[in-house]
Amino acid sequence: MKINKEVIHREIAGEHILVPIGETALHHSGVFAISEVGAEIWEMLCGGKDIPEITAALLEMYDVEADVLAKDIDEFLNMLRENGLLSD
């Protein structure tokens, strides 16, 4: 997976947002509000972690069932892909 380098993560007043910049900003008319978990996934993707590593880390951090977490991660990654923020 490859993150779009023209997207930056910011935390503003306790809210996490992804902000398109450069050419990517021309295709999006706003920012993407994401959850704290979404922000953690984004940062791990930026750090080169793969899905199994991200899943393992989140399972250690949160009290969540593995199948629920897998579904949530998949939905988040699909949103990123659909919006051009992540590619395979």
N, C-alpha and C. Protein backbone atom coordinates (compact mmCIF):
# COMPACT_ATOMS: atom_id res chain seq x y z
N MET A 1 0.82 -1.16 0.00
CA MET A 1 0.00 0.00 0.00
C MET A 1 0.87 1.24 0.00
N LYS A 2 0.40 2.24 -0.70
CA LYS A 2 1.17 3.48 -0.80
C LYS A 2 0.27 4.66 -0.45
N ILE A 3 0.68 5.44 0.54
CA ILE A 3 -0.10 6.62 0.89
C ILE A 3 0.21 7.74 -0.08
N ASN A 4 -0.76 8.60 -0.28
CA ASN A 4 -0.59 9.77 -1.12
C ASN A 4 0.26 10.77 -0.32
N LYS A 5 1.41 11.13 -0.84
CA LYS A 5 2.32 12.03 -0.14
C LYS A 5 1.80 13.47 -0.12
N GLU A 6 0.73 13.74 -0.87
CA GLU A 6 0.14 15.07 -0.89
C GLU A 6 -1.03 15.17 0.08
N VAL A 7 -0.94 14.45 1.18
CA VAL A 7 -1.95 14.50 2.23
C VAL A 7 -1.20 14.59 3.55
N ILE A 8 -1.60 15.54 4.38
CA ILE A 8 -0.96 15.66 5.69
C ILE A 8 -2.00 15.45 6.78
N HIS A 9 -1.54 14.91 7.88
CA HIS A 9 -2.39 14.68 9.05
C HIS A 9 -2.14 15.80 10.04
N ARG A 10 -3.22 16.38 10.55
CA ARG A 10 -3.11 17.41 11.58
C ARG A 10 -4.12 17.12 12.68
N GLU A 11 -3.75 17.48 13.89
CA GLU A 11 -4.68 17.44 15.01
C GLU A 11 -4.94 18.88 15.42
N ILE A 12 -6.19 19.28 15.33
CA ILE A 12 -6.56 20.66 15.64
C ILE A 12 -7.70 20.61 16.65
N ALA A 13 -7.47 21.20 17.79
CA ALA A 13 -8.47 21.25 18.87
C ALA A 13 -8.99 19.86 19.20
N GLY A 14 -8.09 18.88 19.20
CA GLY A 14 -8.47 17.52 19.55
C GLY A 14 -9.10 16.72 18.43
N GLU A 15 -9.27 17.33 17.27
CA GLU A 15 -9.85 16.64 16.11
C GLU A 15 -8.74 16.28 15.13
N HIS A 16 -8.84 15.09 14.55
CA HIS A 16 -7.85 14.63 13.57
C HIS A 16 -8.40 14.86 12.17
N ILE A 17 -7.59 15.47 11.33
CA ILE A 17 -8.00 15.70 9.94
C ILE A 17 -6.87 15.33 8.99
N LEU A 18 -7.26 14.92 7.80
CA LEU A 18 -6.33 14.70 6.70
C LEU A 18 -6.56 15.84 5.72
N VAL A 19 -5.49 16.53 5.36
CA VAL A 19 -5.59 17.71 4.52
C VAL A 19 -4.87 17.46 3.20
N PRO A 20 -5.62 17.44 2.09
CA PRO A 20 -4.98 17.32 0.79
C PRO A 20 -4.22 18.61 0.46
N ILE A 21 -3.04 18.45 -0.13
CA ILE A 21 -2.23 19.59 -0.56
C ILE A 21 -1.80 19.36 -2.00
N GLY A 22 -1.17 20.34 -2.60
CA GLY A 22 -0.64 20.20 -3.95
C GLY A 22 -1.72 19.82 -4.95
N GLU A 23 -1.38 18.97 -5.90
CA GLU A 23 -2.30 18.53 -6.95
C GLU A 23 -3.53 17.83 -6.36
N THR A 24 -3.34 17.09 -5.29
CA THR A 24 -4.44 16.37 -4.66
C THR A 24 -5.52 17.33 -4.19
N ALA A 25 -5.13 18.51 -3.72
CA ALA A 25 -6.10 19.50 -3.24
C ALA A 25 -7.01 19.98 -4.37
N LEU A 26 -6.54 19.91 -5.61
CA LEU A 26 -7.36 20.33 -6.75
C LEU A 26 -8.54 19.40 -6.97
N HIS A 27 -8.44 18.16 -6.48
CA HIS A 27 -9.48 17.16 -6.70
C HIS A 27 -10.41 16.98 -5.50
N HIS A 28 -10.11 17.67 -4.41
CA HIS A 28 -10.91 17.55 -3.19
C HIS A 28 -11.25 18.94 -2.68
N SER A 29 -12.48 19.15 -2.31
CA SER A 29 -12.90 20.48 -1.87
C SER A 29 -13.01 20.58 -0.36
N GLY A 30 -12.13 19.94 0.34
CA GLY A 30 -12.18 20.01 1.79
C GLY A 30 -11.18 19.09 2.43
N VAL A 31 -11.39 18.89 3.72
CA VAL A 31 -10.52 18.02 4.50
C VAL A 31 -11.32 16.79 4.92
N PHE A 32 -10.62 15.80 5.42
CA PHE A 32 -11.24 14.56 5.87
C PHE A 32 -11.09 14.44 7.37
N ALA A 33 -12.20 14.47 8.09
CA ALA A 33 -12.18 14.26 9.53
C ALA A 33 -12.07 12.76 9.79
N ILE A 34 -11.14 12.38 10.64
CA ILE A 34 -10.96 10.96 10.95
C ILE A 34 -10.93 10.79 12.47
N SER A 35 -11.20 9.59 12.89
CA SER A 35 -11.19 9.28 14.32
C SER A 35 -9.75 9.15 14.83
N GLU A 36 -9.64 9.03 16.14
CA GLU A 36 -8.32 8.82 16.74
C GLU A 36 -7.69 7.53 16.23
N VAL A 37 -8.50 6.48 16.09
CA VAL A 37 -7.99 5.21 15.56
C VAL A 37 -7.59 5.38 14.10
N GLY A 38 -8.40 6.10 13.34
CA GLY A 38 -8.05 6.39 11.95
C GLY A 38 -6.72 7.12 11.86
N ALA A 39 -6.50 8.06 12.77
CA ALA A 39 -5.23 8.80 12.79
C ALA A 39 -4.07 7.86 13.11
N GLU A 40 -4.29 6.93 14.03
CA GLU A 40 -3.23 5.97 14.36
C GLU A 40 -2.93 5.08 13.15
N ILE A 41 -3.97 4.64 12.45
CA ILE A 41 -3.76 3.82 11.25
C ILE A 41 -2.98 4.62 10.22
N TRP A 42 -3.38 5.88 10.00
CA TRP A 42 -2.69 6.73 9.03
C TRP A 42 -1.21 6.86 9.37
N GLU A 43 -0.92 7.14 10.63
CA GLU A 43 0.47 7.31 11.05
C GLU A 43 1.27 6.02 10.87
N MET A 44 0.64 4.88 11.15
CA MET A 44 1.33 3.60 10.95
C MET A 44 1.58 3.34 9.47
N LEU A 45 0.61 3.70 8.62
CA LEU A 45 0.82 3.57 7.18
C LEU A 45 1.98 4.46 6.73
N CYS A 46 2.02 5.67 7.26
CA CYS A 46 3.12 6.59 6.92
C CYS A 46 4.46 6.03 7.38
N GLY A 47 4.44 5.27 8.45
CA GLY A 47 5.66 4.66 8.96
C GLY A 47 6.03 3.36 8.28
N GLY A 48 5.27 2.97 7.26
CA GLY A 48 5.61 1.78 6.50
C GLY A 48 5.05 0.47 7.04
N LYS A 49 4.18 0.54 8.01
CA LYS A 49 3.58 -0.69 8.57
C LYS A 49 2.59 -1.28 7.57
N ASP A 50 2.50 -2.61 7.58
CA ASP A 50 1.51 -3.28 6.74
C ASP A 50 0.28 -3.61 7.59
N ILE A 51 -0.74 -4.13 6.95
CA ILE A 51 -2.02 -4.38 7.63
C ILE A 51 -1.87 -5.35 8.81
N PRO A 52 -1.16 -6.47 8.67
CA PRO A 52 -1.01 -7.33 9.85
C PRO A 52 -0.33 -6.63 11.02
N GLU A 53 0.67 -5.79 10.74
CA GLU A 53 1.35 -5.06 11.81
C GLU A 53 0.41 -4.04 12.46
N ILE A 54 -0.36 -3.35 11.64
CA ILE A 54 -1.32 -2.37 12.15
C ILE A 54 -2.37 -3.06 13.00
N THR A 55 -2.89 -4.17 12.51
CA THR A 55 -3.90 -4.93 13.24
C THR A 55 -3.37 -5.38 14.59
N ALA A 56 -2.18 -5.94 14.60
CA ALA A 56 -1.58 -6.41 15.86
C ALA A 56 -1.39 -5.27 16.85
N ALA A 57 -0.92 -4.13 16.37
CA ALA A 57 -0.71 -2.98 17.25
C ALA A 57 -2.03 -2.49 17.84
N LEU A 58 -3.06 -2.41 17.01
CA LEU A 58 -4.35 -1.92 17.50
C LEU A 58 -5.02 -2.91 18.44
N LEU A 59 -4.81 -4.20 18.20
CA LEU A 59 -5.36 -5.20 19.12
C LEU A 59 -4.73 -5.07 20.51
N GLU A 60 -3.46 -4.66 20.55
CA GLU A 60 -2.80 -4.45 21.85
C GLU A 60 -3.28 -3.17 22.52
N MET A 61 -3.65 -2.17 21.72
CA MET A 61 -4.03 -0.87 22.26
C MET A 61 -5.48 -0.79 22.71
N TYR A 62 -6.35 -1.54 22.05
CA TYR A 62 -7.79 -1.41 22.29
C TYR A 62 -8.41 -2.76 22.64
N ASP A 63 -9.46 -2.70 23.41
CA ASP A 63 -10.22 -3.89 23.76
C ASP A 63 -11.29 -4.08 22.69
N VAL A 64 -10.94 -4.83 21.65
CA VAL A 64 -11.81 -5.01 20.50
C VAL A 64 -11.62 -6.43 19.96
N GLU A 65 -12.69 -6.98 19.42
CA GLU A 65 -12.60 -8.30 18.79
C GLU A 65 -11.84 -8.18 17.47
N ALA A 66 -11.04 -9.17 17.17
CA ALA A 66 -10.21 -9.15 15.96
C ALA A 66 -11.03 -9.01 14.69
N ASP A 67 -12.18 -9.69 14.61
CA ASP A 67 -12.99 -9.60 13.39
C ASP A 67 -13.63 -8.22 13.23
N VAL A 68 -14.02 -7.61 14.33
CA VAL A 68 -14.59 -6.25 14.29
C VAL A 68 -13.52 -5.26 13.85
N LEU A 69 -12.32 -5.40 14.42
CA LEU A 69 -11.22 -4.53 14.06
C LEU A 69 -10.85 -4.68 12.59
N ALA A 70 -10.78 -5.90 12.11
CA ALA A 70 -10.45 -6.15 10.70
C ALA A 70 -11.44 -5.47 9.78
N LYS A 71 -12.72 -5.55 10.11
CA LYS A 71 -13.77 -4.91 9.31
C LYS A 71 -13.61 -3.40 9.34
N ASP A 72 -13.36 -2.84 10.52
CA ASP A 72 -13.19 -1.39 10.65
C ASP A 72 -11.97 -0.89 9.88
N ILE A 73 -10.87 -1.62 9.96
CA ILE A 73 -9.67 -1.25 9.22
C ILE A 73 -9.95 -1.28 7.73
N ASP A 74 -10.61 -2.33 7.27
CA ASP A 74 -10.94 -2.47 5.86
C ASP A 74 -11.81 -1.30 5.38
N GLU A 75 -12.80 -0.92 6.16
CA GLU A 75 -13.67 0.20 5.79
C GLU A 75 -12.88 1.50 5.72
N PHE A 76 -12.00 1.71 6.67
CA PHE A 76 -11.19 2.93 6.67
C PHE A 76 -10.27 2.97 5.46
N LEU A 77 -9.61 1.85 5.17
CA LEU A 77 -8.72 1.80 4.01
C LEU A 77 -9.48 1.99 2.71
N ASN A 78 -10.67 1.44 2.62
CA ASN A 78 -11.50 1.64 1.42
C ASN A 78 -11.87 3.11 1.24
N MET A 79 -12.19 3.81 2.34
CA MET A 79 -12.48 5.24 2.25
C MET A 79 -11.26 6.00 1.75
N LEU A 80 -10.09 5.63 2.25
CA LEU A 80 -8.87 6.30 1.78
C LEU A 80 -8.65 6.04 0.30
N ARG A 81 -8.84 4.80 -0.13
CA ARG A 81 -8.66 4.46 -1.55
C ARG A 81 -9.65 5.21 -2.42
N GLU A 82 -10.92 5.21 -2.02
CA GLU A 82 -11.98 5.86 -2.81
C GLU A 82 -11.72 7.35 -3.00
N ASN A 83 -11.01 7.94 -2.09
CA ASN A 83 -10.73 9.37 -2.15
C ASN A 83 -9.33 9.70 -2.64
N GLY A 84 -8.62 8.69 -3.13
CA GLY A 84 -7.30 8.91 -3.71
C GLY A 84 -6.21 9.20 -2.69
N LEU A 85 -6.45 8.83 -1.43
CA LEU A 85 -5.46 9.08 -0.40
C LEU A 85 -4.54 7.89 -0.17
N LEU A 86 -4.89 6.76 -0.76
CA LEU A 86 -4.13 5.52 -0.62
C LEU A 86 -4.28 4.71 -1.89
N SER A 87 -3.22 4.06 -2.31
CA SER A 87 -3.29 3.17 -3.46
C SER A 87 -2.60 1.85 -3.11
N ASP A 88 -2.94 0.83 -3.87
CA ASP A 88 -2.36 -0.50 -3.63
C ASP A 88 -1.07 -0.69 -4.40
